[in-house]
Amino acid sequence: MNITKKILVPAVVASMLVGGTFSSVAMAQQNHDVIVPSTNNSEKVIDGQSFIISPEAAGKITDEELKAISQQAGGNGDIIISNVIEGSNQTTSSQQNIITPNAWYDLYIIWDITKQVTQRDTPLAAQQVTSVGQSQERTINTTFKLSANVSASVTIPASLKTSIEAGLASEINQSINTTYSGPKVGSGISSYVFWITPFVNRGTWSATGKGNLSGDPHGPYSGSWQEPYKFVEWTQAIK
């Protein structure tokens, strides 16, 4: 069941953004709205960029991820980190033997697969959820999806591709059914821009196979893979 929630950045926080200083402020629920940021906000400054981090994101975002988001924001406005959606089954370098069916003359193929991680926690391009001006509201109902991907320079058996994907985090879905509110008139902020940034892990793989009963070799094959790591939802206050 979809539940529509209303995202507001309260005027007291807006005034702090204008002044350039963040403080943790207790927020109250008003008119059945979900107020974000809320109680127990944390604050951080990295390379001159100020962040408010909501309780929903606390402990789930690294300084390197904050730096990446800061670069995407381009120094245009202060940043509120509102939510982090993490994947599961994160890949490490591995070697495994996988048995898959084969042609009529073989009962199966034994695949010797090696995976290596080459990049962790790599940001992809930020995707804009919406932009809301002063005293405006906008309702967004959409889903962001980040899926695993396996590629090779040549066509590989479907069973091998499935075997490689089996060791990866398959996908992250973030459904948004939210009413976003803009800044109040007189706050000194012209608009709030709401973003979501995907982060992925990347690596390479190689595989050779041996048929049973024939003993026929298969491969070698090699290629690359990418798996979803997390989504970070953040807000940019544009003065």
C-alpha atoms as a PDB file:
ATOM      1  CA  MET A   1       0.000   0.000   0.000  1.00  0.00           C
ATOM      2  CA  ASN A   2       1.402   3.389  -0.992  1.00  0.00           C
ATOM      3  CA  ILE A   3       1.416   6.039   1.742  1.00  0.00           C
ATOM      4  CA  THR A   4       1.813   9.624   0.636  1.00  0.00           C
ATOM      5  CA  LYS A   5       4.000  11.659   2.956  1.00  0.00           C
ATOM      6  CA  LYS A   6       4.690  15.362   2.955  1.00  0.00           C
ATOM      7  CA  ILE A   7       8.288  16.578   3.120  1.00  0.00           C
ATOM      8  CA  LEU A   8       8.856  20.020   4.600  1.00  0.00           C
ATOM      9  CA  VAL A   9      12.056  21.838   5.480  1.00  0.00           C
ATOM     10  CA  PRO A  10      10.893  23.985   8.426  1.00  0.00           C
ATOM     11  CA  ALA A  11      11.527  27.726   8.418  1.00  0.00           C
ATOM     12  CA  VAL A  12      13.796  27.464  11.461  1.00  0.00           C
ATOM     13  CA  VAL A  13      16.114  25.192   9.467  1.00  0.00           C
ATOM     14  CA  ALA A  14      15.842  27.454   6.435  1.00  0.00           C
ATOM     15  CA  SER A  15      17.060  30.395   8.494  1.00  0.00           C
ATOM     16  CA  MET A  16      20.065  28.355   9.601  1.00  0.00           C
ATOM     17  CA  LEU A  17      20.869  27.512   5.992  1.00  0.00           C
ATOM     18  CA  VAL A  18      20.871  31.199   5.127  1.00  0.00           C
ATOM     19  CA  GLY A  19      23.132  31.999   8.070  1.00  0.00           C
ATOM     20  CA  GLY A  20      25.541  29.233   7.126  1.00  0.00           C
ATOM     21  CA  THR A  21      25.435  27.549  10.557  1.00  0.00           C
ATOM     22  CA  PHE A  22      23.655  24.284  11.292  1.00  0.00           C
ATOM     23  CA  SER A  23      22.257  23.309  14.688  1.00  0.00           C
ATOM     24  CA  SER A  24      20.266  20.275  15.803  1.00  0.00           C
ATOM     25  CA  VAL A  25      16.659  21.339  16.267  1.00  0.00           C
ATOM     26  CA  ALA A  26      13.690  19.370  17.624  1.00  0.00           C
ATOM     27  CA  MET A  27      10.898  19.269  15.024  1.00  0.00           C
ATOM     28  CA  ALA A  28       7.193  18.691  15.638  1.00  0.00           C
ATOM     29  CA  GLN A  29       4.666  16.892  13.488  1.00  0.00           C
ATOM     30  CA  GLN A  30       2.134  19.375  12.121  1.00  0.00           C
ATOM     31  CA  ASN A  31      -1.076  18.652  10.221  1.00  0.00           C
ATOM     32  CA  HIS A  32      -0.083  14.978   9.945  1.00  0.00           C
ATOM     33  CA  ASP A  33       2.973  15.924   7.896  1.00  0.00           C
ATOM     34  CA  VAL A  34       6.266  14.056   8.186  1.00  0.00           C
ATOM     35  CA  ILE A  35       8.880  16.709   8.918  1.00  0.00           C
ATOM     36  CA  VAL A  36      12.363  16.096   7.532  1.00  0.00           C
ATOM     37  CA  PRO A  37      14.959  16.864   8.911  1.00  0.00           C
ATOM     38  CA  SER A  38      13.676  15.837  12.340  1.00  0.00           C
ATOM     39  CA  THR A  39      14.934  15.344  15.881  1.00  0.00           C
ATOM     40  CA  ASN A  40      18.594  14.480  16.487  1.00  0.00           C
ATOM     41  CA  ASN A  41      20.020  15.890  13.275  1.00  0.00           C
ATOM     42  CA  SER A  42      23.791  15.788  13.019  1.00  0.00           C
ATOM     43  CA  GLU A  43      25.918  18.359  11.269  1.00  0.00           C
ATOM     44  CA  LYS A  44      29.171  18.116   9.356  1.00  0.00           C
ATOM     45  CA  VAL A  45      31.402  20.376   7.277  1.00  0.00           C
ATOM     46  CA  ILE A  46      33.632  18.781   4.629  1.00  0.00           C
ATOM     47  CA  ASP A  47      35.914  20.847   2.401  1.00  0.00           C
ATOM     48  CA  GLY A  48      33.881  23.934   3.216  1.00  0.00           C
ATOM     49  CA  GLN A  49      30.527  22.329   2.350  1.00  0.00           C
ATOM     50  CA  SER A  50      27.968  22.198   5.170  1.00  0.00           C
ATOM     51  CA  PHE A  51      25.639  19.227   5.621  1.00  0.00           C
ATOM     52  CA  ILE A  52      22.643  18.461   7.828  1.00  0.00           C
ATOM     53  CA  ILE A  53      22.271  14.681   8.225  1.00  0.00           C
ATOM     54  CA  SER A  54      18.881  13.379   9.321  1.00  0.00           C
ATOM     55  CA  PRO A  55      18.490  10.466  11.768  1.00  0.00           C
ATOM     56  CA  GLU A  56      17.345   8.268   8.846  1.00  0.00           C
ATOM     57  CA  ALA A  57      20.771   8.712   7.243  1.00  0.00           C
ATOM     58  CA  ALA A  58      22.951   8.826  10.361  1.00  0.00           C
ATOM     59  CA  GLY A  59      25.701   6.214  10.324  1.00  0.00           C
ATOM     60  CA  LYS A  60      24.850   5.177   6.755  1.00  0.00           C
ATOM     61  CA  ILE A  61      26.863   7.727   4.777  1.00  0.00           C
ATOM     62  CA  THR A  62      30.629   8.178   4.602  1.00  0.00           C
ATOM     63  CA  ASP A  63      32.722  11.301   4.223  1.00  0.00           C
ATOM     64  CA  GLU A  64      33.723  10.147   0.731  1.00  0.00           C
ATOM     65  CA  GLU A  65      30.067   9.844  -0.251  1.00  0.00           C
ATOM     66  CA  LEU A  66      29.398  13.310   1.115  1.00  0.00           C
ATOM     67  CA  LYS A  67      32.306  14.666  -0.945  1.00  0.00           C
ATOM     68  CA  ALA A  68      30.847  13.035  -4.073  1.00  0.00           C
ATOM     69  CA  ILE A  69      27.441  14.604  -3.417  1.00  0.00           C
ATOM     70  CA  SER A  70      29.096  17.960  -2.770  1.00  0.00           C
ATOM     71  CA  GLN A  71      30.752  17.755  -6.197  1.00  0.00           C
ATOM     72  CA  GLN A  72      27.398  16.914  -7.799  1.00  0.00           C
ATOM     73  CA  ALA A  73      25.804  19.897  -6.055  1.00  0.00           C
ATOM     74  CA  GLY A  74      28.539  22.122  -7.477  1.00  0.00           C
ATOM     75  CA  GLY A  75      28.726  24.321  -4.383  1.00  0.00           C
ATOM     76  CA  ASN A  76      25.323  25.814  -5.206  1.00  0.00           C
ATOM     77  CA  GLY A  77      23.472  25.797  -1.904  1.00  0.00           C
ATOM     78  CA  ASP A  78      23.640  23.949   1.389  1.00  0.00           C
ATOM     79  CA  ILE A  79      22.839  20.239   1.523  1.00  0.00           C
ATOM     80  CA  ILE A  80      20.463  18.157   3.650  1.00  0.00           C
ATOM     81  CA  ILE A  81      20.987  14.362   3.620  1.00  0.00           C
ATOM     82  CA  SER A  82      17.494  13.009   4.233  1.00  0.00           C
ATOM     83  CA  ASN A  83      17.673   9.254   3.624  1.00  0.00           C
ATOM     84  CA  VAL A  84      19.990   6.373   2.667  1.00  0.00           C
ATOM     85  CA  ILE A  85      18.684   3.144   1.112  1.00  0.00           C
ATOM     86  CA  GLU A  86      21.269   0.377   1.279  1.00  0.00           C
ATOM     87  CA  GLY A  87      21.590  -2.798  -0.755  1.00  0.00           C
ATOM     88  CA  SER A  88      22.543  -6.204   0.581  1.00  0.00           C
ATOM     89  CA  ASN A  89      24.899  -9.063  -0.277  1.00  0.00           C
ATOM     90  CA  GLN A  90      27.787  -6.766  -1.187  1.00  0.00           C
ATOM     91  CA  THR A  91      30.399  -8.559  -3.292  1.00  0.00           C
ATOM     92  CA  THR A  92      33.943  -9.317  -2.244  1.00  0.00           C
ATOM     93  CA  SER A  93      36.648 -10.822  -4.423  1.00  0.00           C
ATOM     94  CA  SER A  94      35.832 -14.502  -4.759  1.00  0.00           C
ATOM     95  CA  GLN A  95      36.414 -17.747  -6.575  1.00  0.00           C
ATOM     96  CA  GLN A  96      33.708 -20.367  -6.919  1.00  0.00           C
ATOM     97  CA  ASN A  97      32.796 -23.546  -8.737  1.00  0.00           C
ATOM     98  CA  ILE A  98      29.322 -23.510 -10.261  1.00  0.00           C
ATOM     99  CA  ILE A  99      27.594 -26.495 -11.867  1.00  0.00           C
ATOM    100  CA  THR A 100      25.084 -25.702 -14.636  1.00  0.00           C
ATOM    101  CA  PRO A 101      23.208 -27.823 -17.200  1.00  0.00           C
ATOM    102  CA  ASN A 102      24.668 -28.269 -20.671  1.00  0.00           C
ATOM    103  CA  ALA A 103      23.963 -29.976 -24.000  1.00  0.00           C
ATOM    104  CA  TRP A 104      22.649 -33.528 -24.332  1.00  0.00           C
ATOM    105  CA  TYR A 105      26.115 -35.117 -24.322  1.00  0.00           C
ATOM    106  CA  ASP A 106      27.076 -33.504 -20.996  1.00  0.00           C
ATOM    107  CA  LEU A 107      25.230 -33.739 -17.716  1.00  0.00           C
ATOM    108  CA  TYR A 108      26.504 -30.334 -16.647  1.00  0.00           C
ATOM    109  CA  ILE A 109      29.327 -27.787 -16.875  1.00  0.00           C
ATOM    110  CA  ILE A 110      31.543 -27.031 -13.904  1.00  0.00           C
ATOM    111  CA  TRP A 111      32.382 -23.321 -14.074  1.00  0.00           C
ATOM    112  CA  ASP A 112      35.440 -21.958 -12.312  1.00  0.00           C
ATOM    113  CA  ILE A 113      34.548 -18.279 -11.757  1.00  0.00           C
ATOM    114  CA  THR A 114      36.799 -15.606 -10.278  1.00  0.00           C
ATOM    115  CA  LYS A 115      35.467 -12.168  -9.342  1.00  0.00           C
ATOM    116  CA  GLN A 116      37.578  -9.139  -8.439  1.00  0.00           C
ATOM    117  CA  VAL A 117      36.385  -5.832  -6.981  1.00  0.00           C
ATOM    118  CA  THR A 118      37.989  -2.857  -8.748  1.00  0.00           C
ATOM    119  CA  GLN A 119      35.837   0.059  -7.498  1.00  0.00           C
ATOM    120  CA  ARG A 120      33.739   0.347  -4.378  1.00  0.00           C
ATOM    121  CA  ASP A 121      31.099   2.903  -3.503  1.00  0.00           C
ATOM    122  CA  THR A 122      31.264   4.716  -6.864  1.00  0.00           C
ATOM    123  CA  PRO A 123      28.681   7.484  -7.455  1.00  0.00           C
ATOM    124  CA  LEU A 124      26.599   7.586 -10.622  1.00  0.00           C
ATOM    125  CA  ALA A 125      24.983  10.765 -11.925  1.00  0.00           C
ATOM    126  CA  ALA A 126      22.521  12.358  -9.510  1.00  0.00           C
ATOM    127  CA  GLN A 127      18.894  12.147 -10.615  1.00  0.00           C
ATOM    128  CA  GLN A 128      16.618  15.074  -9.837  1.00  0.00           C
ATOM    129  CA  VAL A 129      13.407  14.075  -8.065  1.00  0.00           C
ATOM    130  CA  THR A 130      11.829  17.527  -8.233  1.00  0.00           C
ATOM    131  CA  SER A 131      12.392  21.240  -7.632  1.00  0.00           C
ATOM    132  CA  VAL A 132       9.975  23.302  -5.537  1.00  0.00           C
ATOM    133  CA  GLY A 133       9.866  27.095  -5.320  1.00  0.00           C
ATOM    134  CA  GLN A 134       8.811  29.342  -2.465  1.00  0.00           C
ATOM    135  CA  SER A 135       5.437  28.472  -0.896  1.00  0.00           C
ATOM    136  CA  GLN A 136       4.818  25.775  -3.501  1.00  0.00           C
ATOM    137  CA  GLU A 137       4.093  22.051  -3.212  1.00  0.00           C
ATOM    138  CA  ARG A 138       4.658  19.242  -5.657  1.00  0.00           C
ATOM    139  CA  THR A 139       3.579  15.601  -5.356  1.00  0.00           C
ATOM    140  CA  ILE A 140       5.861  12.973  -6.887  1.00  0.00           C
ATOM    141  CA  ASN A 141       4.958   9.317  -7.410  1.00  0.00           C
ATOM    142  CA  THR A 142       7.810   7.398  -9.015  1.00  0.00           C
ATOM    143  CA  THR A 143      10.269   4.546  -8.475  1.00  0.00           C
ATOM    144  CA  PHE A 144      14.033   4.612  -8.843  1.00  0.00           C
ATOM    145  CA  LYS A 145      15.617   1.270  -9.692  1.00  0.00           C
ATOM    146  CA  LEU A 146      19.273   0.236  -9.672  1.00  0.00           C
ATOM    147  CA  SER A 147      20.074  -3.273 -10.981  1.00  0.00           C
ATOM    148  CA  ALA A 148      23.132  -5.483 -11.287  1.00  0.00           C
ATOM    149  CA  ASN A 149      24.803  -5.702 -14.686  1.00  0.00           C
ATOM    150  CA  VAL A 150      27.194  -8.285 -16.158  1.00  0.00           C
ATOM    151  CA  SER A 151      28.983  -7.634 -19.450  1.00  0.00           C
ATOM    152  CA  ALA A 152      31.482  -9.489 -21.645  1.00  0.00           C
ATOM    153  CA  SER A 153      33.327  -8.795 -24.882  1.00  0.00           C
ATOM    154  CA  VAL A 154      31.776 -11.891 -26.504  1.00  0.00           C
ATOM    155  CA  THR A 155      28.483 -13.727 -26.107  1.00  0.00           C
ATOM    156  CA  ILE A 156      28.572 -15.973 -23.045  1.00  0.00           C
ATOM    157  CA  PRO A 157      26.297 -18.874 -22.072  1.00  0.00           C
ATOM    158  CA  ALA A 158      23.174 -17.748 -20.237  1.00  0.00           C
ATOM    159  CA  SER A 159      23.939 -20.194 -17.435  1.00  0.00           C
ATOM    160  CA  LEU A 160      27.318 -18.552 -16.871  1.00  0.00           C
ATOM    161  CA  LYS A 161      25.818 -15.053 -16.766  1.00  0.00           C
ATOM    162  CA  THR A 162      23.228 -16.245 -14.252  1.00  0.00           C
ATOM    163  CA  SER A 163      25.970 -17.806 -12.134  1.00  0.00           C
ATOM    164  CA  ILE A 164      27.983 -14.579 -12.046  1.00  0.00           C
ATOM    165  CA  GLU A 165      24.910 -12.517 -11.175  1.00  0.00           C
ATOM    166  CA  ALA A 166      24.081 -14.910  -8.339  1.00  0.00           C
ATOM    167  CA  GLY A 167      26.965 -13.525  -6.287  1.00  0.00           C
ATOM    168  CA  LEU A 168      25.927  -9.880  -6.736  1.00  0.00           C
ATOM    169  CA  ALA A 169      23.384  -7.680  -4.997  1.00  0.00           C
ATOM    170  CA  SER A 170      20.567  -7.902  -7.540  1.00  0.00           C
ATOM    171  CA  GLU A 171      18.791  -4.550  -7.279  1.00  0.00           C
ATOM    172  CA  ILE A 172      17.638  -1.674  -5.089  1.00  0.00           C
ATOM    173  CA  ASN A 173      14.207  -0.119  -5.569  1.00  0.00           C
ATOM    174  CA  GLN A 174      13.149   3.156  -3.964  1.00  0.00           C
ATOM    175  CA  SER A 175       9.512   4.079  -4.408  1.00  0.00           C
ATOM    176  CA  ILE A 176       8.648   7.716  -3.753  1.00  0.00           C
ATOM    177  CA  ASN A 177       5.074   8.830  -3.133  1.00  0.00           C
ATOM    178  CA  THR A 178       5.711  12.166  -1.502  1.00  0.00           C
ATOM    179  CA  THR A 179       4.495  15.754  -1.409  1.00  0.00           C
ATOM    180  CA  TYR A 180       7.488  18.094  -1.347  1.00  0.00           C
ATOM    181  CA  SER A 181       7.190  21.647  -0.010  1.00  0.00           C
ATOM    182  CA  GLY A 182       9.317  24.614  -0.975  1.00  0.00           C
ATOM    183  CA  PRO A 183      10.820  27.296   1.273  1.00  0.00           C
ATOM    184  CA  LYS A 184       8.717  29.983   2.860  1.00  0.00           C
ATOM    185  CA  VAL A 185       8.640  33.509   1.464  1.00  0.00           C
ATOM    186  CA  GLY A 186      11.210  35.625   3.271  1.00  0.00           C
ATOM    187  CA  SER A 187      13.420  32.675   4.195  1.00  0.00           C
ATOM    188  CA  GLY A 188      16.192  33.849   1.877  1.00  0.00           C
ATOM    189  CA  ILE A 189      15.995  30.573  -0.066  1.00  0.00           C
ATOM    190  CA  SER A 190      14.441  30.610  -3.533  1.00  0.00           C
ATOM    191  CA  SER A 191      13.856  26.870  -3.921  1.00  0.00           C
ATOM    192  CA  TYR A 192      14.617  23.373  -2.696  1.00  0.00           C
ATOM    193  CA  VAL A 193      15.923  20.879  -5.231  1.00  0.00           C
ATOM    194  CA  PHE A 194      15.458  17.219  -4.255  1.00  0.00           C
ATOM    195  CA  TRP A 195      17.934  14.657  -5.615  1.00  0.00           C
ATOM    196  CA  ILE A 196      18.762  10.955  -5.407  1.00  0.00           C
ATOM    197  CA  THR A 197      22.298   9.686  -6.076  1.00  0.00           C
ATOM    198  CA  PRO A 198      22.997   5.993  -6.821  1.00  0.00           C
ATOM    199  CA  PHE A 199      26.239   4.367  -5.655  1.00  0.00           C
ATOM    200  CA  VAL A 200      27.577   1.119  -7.157  1.00  0.00           C
ATOM    201  CA  ASN A 201      30.375  -1.419  -6.763  1.00  0.00           C
ATOM    202  CA  ARG A 202      32.277  -2.502  -9.883  1.00  0.00           C
ATOM    203  CA  GLY A 203      34.689  -5.272 -10.789  1.00  0.00           C
ATOM    204  CA  THR A 204      35.920  -7.834 -13.270  1.00  0.00           C
ATOM    205  CA  TRP A 205      35.293 -11.550 -13.672  1.00  0.00           C
ATOM    206  CA  SER A 206      36.865 -14.470 -15.511  1.00  0.00           C
ATOM    207  CA  ALA A 207      35.612 -18.018 -16.013  1.00  0.00           C
ATOM    208  CA  THR A 208      36.547 -21.351 -17.534  1.00  0.00           C
ATOM    209  CA  GLY A 209      34.331 -24.411 -17.742  1.00  0.00           C
ATOM    210  CA  LYS A 210      34.646 -28.148 -18.109  1.00  0.00           C
ATOM    211  CA  GLY A 211      31.877 -30.400 -19.417  1.00  0.00           C
ATOM    212  CA  ASN A 212      30.868 -33.591 -17.690  1.00  0.00           C
ATOM    213  CA  LEU A 213      30.911 -36.258 -19.211  1.00  0.00           C
ATOM    214  CA  SER A 214      32.800 -35.019 -22.251  1.00  0.00           C
ATOM    215  CA  GLY A 215      35.575 -33.119 -20.486  1.00  0.00           C
ATOM    216  CA  ASP A 216      35.249 -30.437 -23.174  1.00  0.00           C
ATOM    217  CA  PRO A 217      36.690 -27.059 -22.155  1.00  0.00           C
ATOM    218  CA  HIS A 218      34.516 -23.939 -22.183  1.00  0.00           C
ATOM    219  CA  GLY A 219      35.998 -20.465 -22.307  1.00  0.00           C
ATOM    220  CA  PRO A 220      37.988 -18.743 -21.119  1.00  0.00           C
ATOM    221  CA  TYR A 221      35.523 -15.878 -20.758  1.00  0.00           C
ATOM    222  CA  SER A 222      36.018 -12.544 -19.040  1.00  0.00           C
ATOM    223  CA  GLY A 223      34.231  -9.274 -18.544  1.00  0.00           C
ATOM    224  CA  SER A 224      33.022  -6.774 -15.989  1.00  0.00           C
ATOM    225  CA  TRP A 225      30.186  -6.445 -13.513  1.00  0.00           C
ATOM    226  CA  GLN A 226      28.384  -3.705 -11.613  1.00  0.00           C
ATOM    227  CA  GLU A 227      26.093  -4.094  -8.617  1.00  0.00           C
ATOM    228  CA  PRO A 228      23.898  -1.602  -6.728  1.00  0.00           C
ATOM    229  CA  TYR A 229      25.267  -0.396  -3.395  1.00  0.00           C
ATOM    230  CA  LYS A 230      22.975   2.353  -2.111  1.00  0.00           C
ATOM    231  CA  PHE A 231      20.752   5.311  -2.902  1.00  0.00           C
ATOM    232  CA  VAL A 232      21.247   8.639  -1.097  1.00  0.00           C
ATOM    233  CA  GLU A 233      18.350  11.111  -1.044  1.00  0.00           C
ATOM    234  CA  TRP A 234      19.439  14.712  -0.508  1.00  0.00           C
ATOM    235  CA  THR A 235      18.119  18.237  -0.722  1.00  0.00           C
ATOM    236  CA  GLN A 236      19.837  21.336  -2.046  1.00  0.00           C
ATOM    237  CA  ALA A 237      18.803  24.747  -0.726  1.00  0.00           C
ATOM    238  CA  ILE A 238      19.151  27.322  -3.511  1.00  0.00           C
ATOM    239  CA  LYS A 239      19.485  30.921  -2.326  1.00  0.00           C
END
